[in-house]
Amino acid sequence: MTGIEKKYGEGAELLWKDRKRYFGLPLSFTKYSLVKKPGAWVKVFLNVGLLSSRIDEINAYRICDIRMKQSLLGKMFNYGDIVLLSSDESQPTLLLKNIKNPYQVRELFSTVAEEQRKLNNIRVAEFHSHDD
């Protein structure tokens, strides 16, 4: 049994992981992961702490929109912020701060969220305000 399976159950697999970075280096106790439990769920986890931990999670199908922000330094060292906007009432936004390869990570989250919405027959309603 792998470490991921011990933590999340049999069959769980890690799709992506990273840490919050400082100047491109993973020198933090903030960890991010995207975990899949086949036939059950795909979730994004944010784990903060060393001696005690706080863990936040969002089901991938609840991700409605994804924003990415990158500073000049982030562009130089290939890191940036990803903000996941979700329909989860307890966690409407989840900030993945200073992660490596933000363009690829944004695309991964977008693809996984879309796949999970299709599997669960969930449609994201978009509302646009119109000025009359």
N, C-alpha and C. Protein backbone atom coordinates (compact mmCIF):
# COMPACT_ATOMS: atom_id res chain seq x y z
N MET A 1 0.85 -1.18 0.00
CA MET A 1 0.00 0.00 0.00
C MET A 1 0.90 1.25 0.00
N THR A 2 0.61 2.18 -0.90
CA THR A 2 1.41 3.40 -1.00
C THR A 2 0.99 4.40 0.08
N GLY A 3 1.79 5.45 0.24
CA GLY A 3 1.48 6.51 1.21
C GLY A 3 0.16 7.20 0.89
N ILE A 4 -0.12 7.39 -0.40
CA ILE A 4 -1.38 8.02 -0.80
C ILE A 4 -2.55 7.12 -0.43
N GLU A 5 -2.41 5.81 -0.66
CA GLU A 5 -3.48 4.88 -0.31
C GLU A 5 -3.71 4.82 1.20
N LYS A 6 -2.63 4.91 1.98
CA LYS A 6 -2.78 4.93 3.44
C LYS A 6 -3.57 6.15 3.89
N LYS A 7 -3.32 7.27 3.23
CA LYS A 7 -3.96 8.51 3.61
C LYS A 7 -5.41 8.61 3.11
N TYR A 8 -5.64 8.21 1.85
CA TYR A 8 -6.95 8.44 1.22
C TYR A 8 -7.74 7.17 0.90
N GLY A 9 -7.17 6.00 1.16
CA GLY A 9 -7.89 4.76 0.91
C GLY A 9 -7.34 3.99 -0.27
N GLU A 10 -7.71 2.73 -0.33
CA GLU A 10 -7.21 1.83 -1.37
C GLU A 10 -7.60 2.32 -2.76
N GLY A 11 -6.64 2.28 -3.67
CA GLY A 11 -6.87 2.69 -5.05
C GLY A 11 -6.65 4.16 -5.31
N ALA A 12 -6.44 4.97 -4.26
CA ALA A 12 -6.23 6.41 -4.44
C ALA A 12 -4.92 6.65 -5.17
N GLU A 13 -4.93 7.62 -6.07
CA GLU A 13 -3.72 7.95 -6.80
C GLU A 13 -3.50 9.46 -6.84
N LEU A 14 -2.25 9.83 -6.77
CA LEU A 14 -1.86 11.23 -6.78
C LEU A 14 -1.73 11.70 -8.23
N LEU A 15 -2.50 12.72 -8.61
CA LEU A 15 -2.44 13.27 -9.96
C LEU A 15 -1.45 14.43 -10.06
N TRP A 16 -1.31 15.16 -8.94
CA TRP A 16 -0.42 16.33 -8.93
C TRP A 16 -0.16 16.72 -7.48
N LYS A 17 1.05 17.24 -7.22
CA LYS A 17 1.33 17.80 -5.91
C LYS A 17 2.40 18.88 -6.05
N ASP A 18 2.39 19.79 -5.10
CA ASP A 18 3.40 20.85 -5.05
C ASP A 18 3.37 21.47 -3.66
N ARG A 19 4.29 22.38 -3.42
CA ARG A 19 4.36 23.16 -2.20
C ARG A 19 4.36 24.64 -2.56
N LYS A 20 3.94 25.44 -1.61
CA LYS A 20 4.06 26.88 -1.77
C LYS A 20 5.55 27.20 -1.88
N ARG A 21 5.89 28.06 -2.81
CA ARG A 21 7.30 28.36 -3.09
C ARG A 21 7.66 29.79 -2.72
N TYR A 22 8.92 29.96 -2.37
CA TYR A 22 9.50 31.28 -2.15
C TYR A 22 10.67 31.41 -3.09
N PHE A 23 10.60 32.41 -3.99
CA PHE A 23 11.62 32.62 -5.02
C PHE A 23 11.86 31.33 -5.81
N GLY A 24 10.79 30.61 -6.06
CA GLY A 24 10.87 29.39 -6.86
C GLY A 24 11.26 28.14 -6.09
N LEU A 25 11.58 28.27 -4.81
CA LEU A 25 12.01 27.11 -4.02
C LEU A 25 10.90 26.65 -3.08
N PRO A 26 10.67 25.32 -2.98
CA PRO A 26 9.58 24.80 -2.14
C PRO A 26 9.94 24.78 -0.65
N LEU A 27 10.07 25.97 -0.07
CA LEU A 27 10.48 26.12 1.33
C LEU A 27 9.27 26.48 2.19
N SER A 28 8.32 25.57 2.31
CA SER A 28 7.08 25.90 3.01
C SER A 28 6.44 24.64 3.58
N PHE A 29 5.59 24.84 4.57
CA PHE A 29 4.81 23.74 5.13
C PHE A 29 3.38 23.76 4.58
N THR A 30 3.19 24.45 3.47
CA THR A 30 1.91 24.47 2.77
C THR A 30 2.03 23.55 1.57
N LYS A 31 1.19 22.49 1.56
CA LYS A 31 1.24 21.50 0.48
C LYS A 31 -0.09 21.45 -0.24
N TYR A 32 -0.01 21.26 -1.54
CA TYR A 32 -1.19 21.15 -2.38
C TYR A 32 -1.16 19.79 -3.08
N SER A 33 -2.34 19.20 -3.29
CA SER A 33 -2.39 17.94 -4.04
C SER A 33 -3.73 17.78 -4.74
N LEU A 34 -3.69 17.02 -5.81
CA LEU A 34 -4.89 16.63 -6.55
C LEU A 34 -4.90 15.11 -6.51
N VAL A 35 -5.91 14.54 -5.87
CA VAL A 35 -5.96 13.10 -5.63
C VAL A 35 -7.22 12.52 -6.25
N LYS A 36 -7.06 11.35 -6.86
CA LYS A 36 -8.18 10.65 -7.50
C LYS A 36 -8.41 9.32 -6.81
N LYS A 37 -9.65 9.06 -6.48
CA LYS A 37 -10.04 7.74 -5.98
C LYS A 37 -10.99 7.18 -7.02
N PRO A 38 -10.48 6.30 -7.91
CA PRO A 38 -11.28 5.82 -9.05
C PRO A 38 -12.66 5.32 -8.65
N GLY A 39 -13.65 5.76 -9.42
CA GLY A 39 -15.03 5.37 -9.16
C GLY A 39 -15.67 6.11 -8.01
N ALA A 40 -14.93 6.99 -7.35
CA ALA A 40 -15.47 7.69 -6.18
C ALA A 40 -15.38 9.21 -6.35
N TRP A 41 -14.17 9.76 -6.39
CA TRP A 41 -14.02 11.21 -6.42
C TRP A 41 -12.63 11.63 -6.89
N VAL A 42 -12.52 12.92 -7.22
CA VAL A 42 -11.25 13.61 -7.45
C VAL A 42 -11.34 14.87 -6.61
N LYS A 43 -10.34 15.10 -5.75
CA LYS A 43 -10.38 16.25 -4.86
C LYS A 43 -9.06 17.01 -4.88
N VAL A 44 -9.17 18.32 -4.60
CA VAL A 44 -8.02 19.19 -4.42
C VAL A 44 -7.85 19.36 -2.92
N PHE A 45 -6.63 19.14 -2.43
CA PHE A 45 -6.36 19.29 -1.00
C PHE A 45 -5.32 20.38 -0.78
N LEU A 46 -5.55 21.16 0.28
CA LEU A 46 -4.60 22.16 0.76
C LEU A 46 -4.29 21.77 2.19
N ASN A 47 -3.03 21.51 2.47
CA ASN A 47 -2.60 21.09 3.80
C ASN A 47 -1.59 22.12 4.31
N VAL A 48 -1.93 22.78 5.42
CA VAL A 48 -1.09 23.82 5.98
C VAL A 48 -0.67 23.42 7.38
N GLY A 49 0.63 23.49 7.66
CA GLY A 49 1.11 23.26 9.01
C GLY A 49 2.18 22.21 9.12
N LEU A 50 2.86 22.23 10.26
CA LEU A 50 3.91 21.26 10.55
C LEU A 50 3.52 20.44 11.78
N LEU A 51 3.43 21.10 12.93
CA LEU A 51 3.09 20.38 14.15
C LEU A 51 1.59 20.08 14.24
N SER A 52 0.79 21.01 13.81
CA SER A 52 -0.64 20.76 13.67
C SER A 52 -1.00 21.17 12.24
N SER A 53 -2.02 20.55 11.69
CA SER A 53 -2.37 20.79 10.30
C SER A 53 -3.81 21.25 10.14
N ARG A 54 -4.02 22.04 9.10
CA ARG A 54 -5.35 22.40 8.66
C ARG A 54 -5.46 21.88 7.22
N ILE A 55 -6.49 21.11 6.94
CA ILE A 55 -6.66 20.56 5.61
C ILE A 55 -7.98 21.05 5.04
N ASP A 56 -7.91 21.68 3.87
CA ASP A 56 -9.10 22.11 3.14
C ASP A 56 -9.18 21.27 1.88
N GLU A 57 -10.38 21.01 1.41
CA GLU A 57 -10.55 20.23 0.19
C GLU A 57 -11.73 20.72 -0.62
N ILE A 58 -11.66 20.50 -1.92
CA ILE A 58 -12.75 20.81 -2.83
C ILE A 58 -12.89 19.63 -3.79
N ASN A 59 -14.11 19.18 -4.00
CA ASN A 59 -14.36 18.20 -5.04
C ASN A 59 -14.12 18.86 -6.39
N ALA A 60 -13.44 18.17 -7.28
CA ALA A 60 -13.08 18.75 -8.57
C ALA A 60 -14.31 19.18 -9.38
N TYR A 61 -15.41 18.43 -9.27
CA TYR A 61 -16.59 18.79 -10.06
C TYR A 61 -17.19 20.11 -9.60
N ARG A 62 -16.84 20.58 -8.41
CA ARG A 62 -17.37 21.85 -7.90
C ARG A 62 -16.59 23.07 -8.39
N ILE A 63 -15.46 22.86 -9.05
CA ILE A 63 -14.67 23.98 -9.56
C ILE A 63 -15.42 24.62 -10.72
N CYS A 64 -15.76 25.90 -10.56
CA CYS A 64 -16.53 26.63 -11.57
C CYS A 64 -15.63 27.44 -12.49
N ASP A 65 -14.58 27.99 -11.93
CA ASP A 65 -13.70 28.85 -12.70
C ASP A 65 -12.30 28.79 -12.10
N ILE A 66 -11.32 29.10 -12.92
CA ILE A 66 -9.92 29.06 -12.49
C ILE A 66 -9.25 30.35 -12.93
N ARG A 67 -8.59 31.00 -11.99
CA ARG A 67 -7.81 32.21 -12.30
C ARG A 67 -6.34 31.93 -12.04
N MET A 68 -5.49 32.58 -12.81
CA MET A 68 -4.07 32.45 -12.61
C MET A 68 -3.46 33.84 -12.54
N LYS A 69 -2.51 34.01 -11.64
CA LYS A 69 -1.83 35.29 -11.49
C LYS A 69 -0.33 35.01 -11.41
N GLN A 70 0.46 35.81 -12.12
CA GLN A 70 1.90 35.59 -12.13
C GLN A 70 2.61 36.94 -12.10
N SER A 71 3.51 37.12 -11.15
CA SER A 71 4.29 38.34 -11.05
C SER A 71 5.48 38.26 -12.01
N LEU A 72 6.21 39.35 -12.12
CA LEU A 72 7.42 39.35 -12.95
C LEU A 72 8.42 38.32 -12.43
N LEU A 73 8.61 38.27 -11.12
CA LEU A 73 9.51 37.28 -10.52
C LEU A 73 9.00 35.86 -10.78
N GLY A 74 7.68 35.69 -10.71
CA GLY A 74 7.07 34.40 -10.99
C GLY A 74 7.31 33.97 -12.43
N LYS A 75 7.25 34.93 -13.34
CA LYS A 75 7.53 34.61 -14.75
C LYS A 75 8.98 34.20 -14.93
N MET A 76 9.88 34.86 -14.21
CA MET A 76 11.30 34.53 -14.32
C MET A 76 11.61 33.15 -13.77
N PHE A 77 10.94 32.75 -12.67
CA PHE A 77 11.22 31.47 -12.02
C PHE A 77 10.13 30.42 -12.26
N ASN A 78 9.17 30.72 -13.15
CA ASN A 78 8.10 29.79 -13.54
C ASN A 78 7.25 29.33 -12.35
N TYR A 79 6.72 30.28 -11.60
CA TYR A 79 5.73 29.97 -10.58
C TYR A 79 4.66 31.05 -10.57
N GLY A 80 3.52 30.74 -9.98
CA GLY A 80 2.42 31.69 -9.94
C GLY A 80 1.32 31.18 -9.03
N ASP A 81 0.25 31.95 -8.94
CA ASP A 81 -0.89 31.62 -8.09
C ASP A 81 -2.04 31.10 -8.96
N ILE A 82 -2.72 30.09 -8.47
CA ILE A 82 -3.94 29.59 -9.09
C ILE A 82 -5.05 29.78 -8.06
N VAL A 83 -6.15 30.39 -8.48
CA VAL A 83 -7.31 30.56 -7.61
C VAL A 83 -8.43 29.71 -8.19
N LEU A 84 -8.91 28.76 -7.38
CA LEU A 84 -10.01 27.90 -7.79
C LEU A 84 -11.29 28.47 -7.20
N LEU A 85 -12.22 28.86 -8.06
CA LEU A 85 -13.52 29.37 -7.64
C LEU A 85 -14.48 28.20 -7.72
N SER A 86 -15.16 27.92 -6.61
CA SER A 86 -16.00 26.72 -6.57
C SER A 86 -17.41 27.01 -6.07
N SER A 87 -18.27 26.02 -6.25
CA SER A 87 -19.64 26.10 -5.74
C SER A 87 -19.73 25.53 -4.33
N ASP A 88 -18.60 25.21 -3.74
CA ASP A 88 -18.56 24.68 -2.38
C ASP A 88 -18.85 25.82 -1.39
N GLU A 89 -19.88 25.67 -0.57
CA GLU A 89 -20.27 26.75 0.34
C GLU A 89 -19.24 27.02 1.41
N SER A 90 -18.56 26.00 1.91
CA SER A 90 -17.59 26.20 2.98
C SER A 90 -16.23 26.67 2.44
N GLN A 91 -15.97 26.45 1.15
CA GLN A 91 -14.68 26.81 0.56
C GLN A 91 -14.91 27.35 -0.86
N PRO A 92 -15.52 28.56 -0.98
CA PRO A 92 -15.82 29.07 -2.33
C PRO A 92 -14.58 29.44 -3.15
N THR A 93 -13.48 29.77 -2.48
CA THR A 93 -12.23 30.01 -3.21
C THR A 93 -11.11 29.27 -2.51
N LEU A 94 -10.23 28.71 -3.31
CA LEU A 94 -9.07 28.01 -2.78
C LEU A 94 -7.86 28.57 -3.51
N LEU A 95 -6.94 29.17 -2.76
CA LEU A 95 -5.75 29.78 -3.34
C LEU A 95 -4.58 28.81 -3.26
N LEU A 96 -4.02 28.49 -4.42
CA LEU A 96 -2.80 27.69 -4.51
C LEU A 96 -1.70 28.70 -4.82
N LYS A 97 -0.96 29.08 -3.80
CA LYS A 97 -0.03 30.20 -3.89
C LYS A 97 1.37 29.74 -4.28
N ASN A 98 1.94 30.46 -5.23
CA ASN A 98 3.34 30.27 -5.67
C ASN A 98 3.64 28.81 -6.04
N ILE A 99 2.89 28.28 -6.98
CA ILE A 99 3.13 26.91 -7.42
C ILE A 99 3.95 26.89 -8.72
N LYS A 100 4.67 25.81 -8.92
CA LYS A 100 5.52 25.64 -10.10
C LYS A 100 4.65 25.31 -11.32
N ASN A 101 5.07 25.76 -12.48
CA ASN A 101 4.38 25.49 -13.76
C ASN A 101 2.90 25.85 -13.72
N PRO A 102 2.55 27.08 -13.41
CA PRO A 102 1.13 27.42 -13.23
C PRO A 102 0.27 27.23 -14.48
N TYR A 103 0.83 27.43 -15.68
CA TYR A 103 0.02 27.24 -16.88
C TYR A 103 -0.41 25.78 -17.03
N GLN A 104 0.53 24.86 -16.80
CA GLN A 104 0.20 23.43 -16.92
C GLN A 104 -0.77 23.00 -15.82
N VAL A 105 -0.58 23.52 -14.63
CA VAL A 105 -1.45 23.17 -13.50
C VAL A 105 -2.86 23.69 -13.75
N ARG A 106 -2.97 24.91 -14.26
CA ARG A 106 -4.29 25.47 -14.58
C ARG A 106 -5.00 24.59 -15.60
N GLU A 107 -4.28 24.15 -16.62
CA GLU A 107 -4.87 23.29 -17.64
C GLU A 107 -5.28 21.94 -17.06
N LEU A 108 -4.45 21.37 -16.18
CA LEU A 108 -4.78 20.10 -15.53
C LEU A 108 -6.07 20.22 -14.72
N PHE A 109 -6.18 21.26 -13.90
CA PHE A 109 -7.38 21.45 -13.09
C PHE A 109 -8.61 21.68 -13.96
N SER A 110 -8.46 22.43 -15.02
CA SER A 110 -9.57 22.69 -15.93
C SER A 110 -10.06 21.39 -16.57
N THR A 111 -9.14 20.57 -17.04
CA THR A 111 -9.48 19.30 -17.67
C THR A 111 -10.14 18.35 -16.68
N VAL A 112 -9.56 18.21 -15.50
CA VAL A 112 -10.11 17.30 -14.49
C VAL A 112 -11.50 17.77 -14.03
N ALA A 113 -11.67 19.07 -13.82
CA ALA A 113 -12.97 19.59 -13.39
C ALA A 113 -14.04 19.30 -14.44
N GLU A 114 -13.71 19.52 -15.70
CA GLU A 114 -14.66 19.26 -16.78
C GLU A 114 -15.02 17.78 -16.87
N GLU A 115 -14.02 16.92 -16.77
CA GLU A 115 -14.25 15.47 -16.80
C GLU A 115 -15.16 15.03 -15.65
N GLN A 116 -14.90 15.56 -14.45
CA GLN A 116 -15.69 15.19 -13.29
C GLN A 116 -17.13 15.69 -13.38
N ARG A 117 -17.32 16.88 -13.95
CA ARG A 117 -18.69 17.39 -14.13
C ARG A 117 -19.46 16.49 -15.10
N LYS A 118 -18.80 16.05 -16.18
CA LYS A 118 -19.45 15.16 -17.14
C LYS A 118 -19.80 13.82 -16.50
N LEU A 119 -18.86 13.26 -15.74
CA LEU A 119 -19.11 11.97 -15.07
C LEU A 119 -20.26 12.05 -14.08
N ASN A 120 -20.41 13.19 -13.42
CA ASN A 120 -21.45 13.37 -12.41
C ASN A 120 -22.70 14.06 -12.95
N ASN A 121 -22.75 14.27 -14.28
CA ASN A 121 -23.89 14.94 -14.92
C ASN A 121 -24.21 16.27 -14.26
N ILE A 122 -23.19 17.08 -14.07
CA ILE A 122 -23.36 18.38 -13.43
C ILE A 122 -23.05 19.46 -14.45
N ARG A 123 -23.94 20.44 -14.54
CA ARG A 123 -23.73 21.56 -15.45
C ARG A 123 -23.47 22.82 -14.63
N VAL A 124 -22.53 23.61 -15.09
CA VAL A 124 -22.24 24.88 -14.42
C VAL A 124 -23.04 25.96 -15.11
N ALA A 125 -23.94 26.57 -14.35
CA ALA A 125 -24.77 27.65 -14.90
C ALA A 125 -23.97 28.95 -14.85
N GLU A 126 -23.93 29.62 -15.96
CA GLU A 126 -23.24 30.90 -16.00
C GLU A 126 -24.27 32.01 -16.04
N PHE A 127 -24.03 33.03 -15.24
CA PHE A 127 -24.95 34.17 -15.20
C PHE A 127 -24.19 35.40 -15.66
N HIS A 128 -24.79 36.13 -16.55
CA HIS A 128 -24.18 37.36 -17.06
C HIS A 128 -25.13 38.50 -16.77
N SER A 129 -24.59 39.59 -16.25
CA SER A 129 -25.44 40.75 -16.02
C SER A 129 -25.47 41.57 -17.31
N HIS A 130 -26.62 42.08 -17.61
CA HIS A 130 -26.79 42.89 -18.80
C HIS A 130 -27.23 44.27 -18.38
N ASP A 131 -26.52 45.29 -18.83
CA ASP A 131 -26.91 46.66 -18.55
C ASP A 131 -27.93 47.08 -19.58
N ASP A 132 -29.12 47.46 -19.12
CA ASP A 132 -30.20 47.87 -20.04
C ASP A 132 -30.25 49.35 -20.15
